[in-house]
Each structure stands twice: as C-alpha cells, then as structure tokens.
C-alpha cells in the first residue's frame, strides 16, 4: 500500500487499520498472522496500525492491534514455511479462530460491504 505501516487512515480520527484477507482459514480452524517474509519483519511485527480488520470470506472481524499481539503471545502456535501458492518463506502464528472471534471488538457475519 501507500503507507508501509498500515493500509487505511481514517482522517477524522487519525486511526489506522491493517486489512487482512485470510482465505486459507476456510480450510482450517486457525487464522494466519504473519510475522516475517523472507527474513524481513512484516505483518503483526511491522504494523503501525491501531486496528486489524480480518476477513475470512464469511466473517469480518475488528481487533485492536495491541489485543491481537497479546493473543499471538498467549495462543499463537509458531509456523514457518512456504504457503501454498507462494515462493516466499514466511513465519507466522496460527491462532485458533474461536480465540480471535471471542476477543474481537466487532464481528460482522456473512457477506459485508460487497467483499
């Protein structure tokens, strides 16, 4: 995106949002929270966003970034490898979907905003 540390800036509030589409979670019980790609910090490690918006093809979830980092520390299972369809080595946390959904600030079920 245009801004390295976040995807969206809401000018009226100066709040920032990181947007993630986790298609793979449809075939898993986890969400994939990236830590690094090709040995460079990325995802939850490099974000400057106030909030994370996670879309999994059926639900939309909002979480404060600080809360998501805490969930990663407490519930994340470390994963390292090359995701299907990628050529890059990625490090990530796998976090059970129910943990994210139970701790989300807002969940919208079903197709939202034409996504």
Protein backbone atom coordinates (compact mmCIF):
# COMPACT_ATOMS: atom_id res chain seq x y z
CA UNK A 1 0.00 0.00 0.00
CA UNK A 2 0.83 3.67 0.03
CA UNK A 3 1.63 3.58 3.77
CA UNK A 4 4.11 0.96 4.95
CA UNK A 5 2.78 0.61 8.49
CA UNK A 6 -0.95 0.37 7.73
CA UNK A 7 -3.48 0.08 4.89
CA UNK A 8 -6.14 2.67 5.75
CA UNK A 9 -6.06 6.01 7.57
CA UNK A 10 -9.31 7.48 8.88
CA UNK A 11 -8.51 11.23 8.70
CA UNK A 12 -11.23 12.37 11.12
CA UNK A 13 -9.90 10.20 13.94
CA UNK A 14 -6.27 9.68 12.82
CA UNK A 15 -6.84 5.94 13.44
CA UNK A 16 -5.14 3.43 11.17
CA UNK A 17 -6.23 -0.02 10.01
CA UNK A 18 -4.39 -3.08 8.69
CA UNK A 19 -6.58 -5.17 6.36
CA UNK A 20 -6.07 -8.93 6.02
CA UNK A 21 -7.95 -11.42 3.86
CA UNK A 22 -7.40 -14.92 5.29
CA UNK A 23 -8.82 -17.20 2.58
CA UNK A 24 -6.89 -20.21 3.89
CA UNK A 25 -8.77 -20.12 7.17
CA UNK A 26 -11.79 -21.60 5.37
CA UNK A 27 -9.89 -24.92 5.29
CA UNK A 28 -8.51 -24.66 8.80
CA UNK A 29 -9.52 -23.96 12.37
CA UNK A 30 -6.87 -21.22 12.62
CA UNK A 31 -6.14 -17.71 11.44
CA UNK A 32 -2.71 -16.98 9.95
CA UNK A 33 -0.97 -13.95 11.48
CA UNK A 34 2.24 -13.19 9.57
CA UNK A 35 5.44 -12.26 11.41
CA UNK A 36 8.03 -12.15 8.64
CA UNK A 37 8.53 -12.81 4.96
CA UNK A 38 11.94 -13.72 3.52
CA UNK A 39 13.56 -12.87 6.88
CA UNK A 40 12.11 -9.33 6.92
CA UNK A 41 9.65 -8.21 9.58
CA UNK A 42 6.11 -7.99 8.26
CA UNK A 43 2.52 -8.41 9.38
CA UNK A 44 1.89 -8.05 13.09
CA UNK A 45 5.58 -7.29 13.79
CA UNK A 46 5.90 -4.33 11.42
CA UNK A 47 2.40 -2.86 11.55
CA UNK A 48 1.81 0.63 12.89
CA UNK A 49 -1.96 0.22 12.65
CA UNK A 50 -4.29 0.85 15.56
CA UNK A 51 -6.72 -1.86 14.39
CA UNK A 52 -6.66 -5.09 12.38
CA UNK A 53 -9.54 -5.99 10.12
CA UNK A 54 -9.61 -9.71 9.25
CA UNK A 55 -11.89 -11.01 6.51
CA UNK A 56 -12.15 -14.78 6.06
CA UNK A 57 -14.58 -14.96 3.12
CA UNK A 58 -17.54 -15.25 5.51
CA UNK A 59 -16.94 -13.03 8.56
CA UNK A 60 -15.30 -9.65 9.17
CA UNK A 61 -13.57 -9.06 12.49
CA UNK A 62 -12.11 -5.90 14.05
CA UNK A 63 -9.47 -6.11 16.77
CA UNK A 64 -7.18 -3.58 18.35
CA UNK A 65 -3.65 -4.38 17.23
CA UNK A 66 -2.44 -4.39 20.82
CA UNK A 67 -5.03 -7.06 21.68
CA UNK A 68 -4.08 -9.17 18.65
CA UNK A 69 -0.40 -9.04 19.64
CA UNK A 70 -1.35 -10.27 23.11
CA UNK A 71 -3.42 -13.12 21.62
CA UNK A 72 -0.44 -14.09 19.45
CA UNK A 73 1.81 -14.21 22.52
CA UNK A 74 -0.63 -16.31 24.54
CA UNK A 75 -2.28 -18.58 21.98
CA UNK A 76 -0.21 -18.44 18.81
CA UNK A 77 1.46 -21.59 17.52
CA UNK A 78 4.63 -20.72 15.61
CA UNK A 79 4.72 -21.78 11.95
CA UNK A 80 7.48 -21.42 9.36
CA UNK A 81 7.29 -22.49 5.72
CA UNK A 82 6.26 -21.61 2.20
CA UNK A 83 2.49 -21.10 1.99
CA UNK A 84 0.63 -22.76 -0.86
CA UNK A 85 0.84 -20.59 -3.97
CA UNK A 86 3.84 -18.63 -2.68
CA UNK A 87 7.59 -18.76 -3.26
CA UNK A 88 8.49 -16.87 -0.08
CA UNK A 89 9.49 -18.32 3.28
CA UNK A 90 7.07 -16.96 5.85
CA UNK A 91 6.99 -17.05 9.64
CA UNK A 92 3.60 -16.74 11.30
CA UNK A 93 1.45 -17.54 14.27
CA UNK A 94 -1.54 -19.83 13.83
CA UNK A 95 -4.28 -18.74 16.21
CA UNK A 96 -7.50 -20.72 16.73
CA UNK A 97 -10.42 -18.98 15.06
CA UNK A 98 -12.54 -19.17 18.20
CA UNK A 99 -9.88 -17.22 20.16
CA UNK A 100 -9.92 -14.40 17.60
CA UNK A 101 -13.72 -14.35 17.37
CA UNK A 102 -14.17 -14.47 21.16
CA UNK A 103 -11.83 -11.48 21.54
CA UNK A 104 -12.82 -9.39 18.52
CA UNK A 105 -14.13 -5.89 19.16
CA UNK A 106 -16.66 -6.34 16.36
CA UNK A 107 -17.76 -9.23 14.15
CA UNK A 108 -19.96 -8.93 11.09
CA UNK A 109 -21.19 -12.28 9.81
CA UNK A 110 -21.85 -13.04 6.19
CA UNK A 111 -21.09 -11.01 3.10
CA UNK A 112 -20.27 -7.46 4.17
CA UNK A 113 -19.78 -4.34 2.06
CA UNK A 114 -19.76 -6.38 -1.16
CA UNK A 115 -16.46 -8.11 -0.34
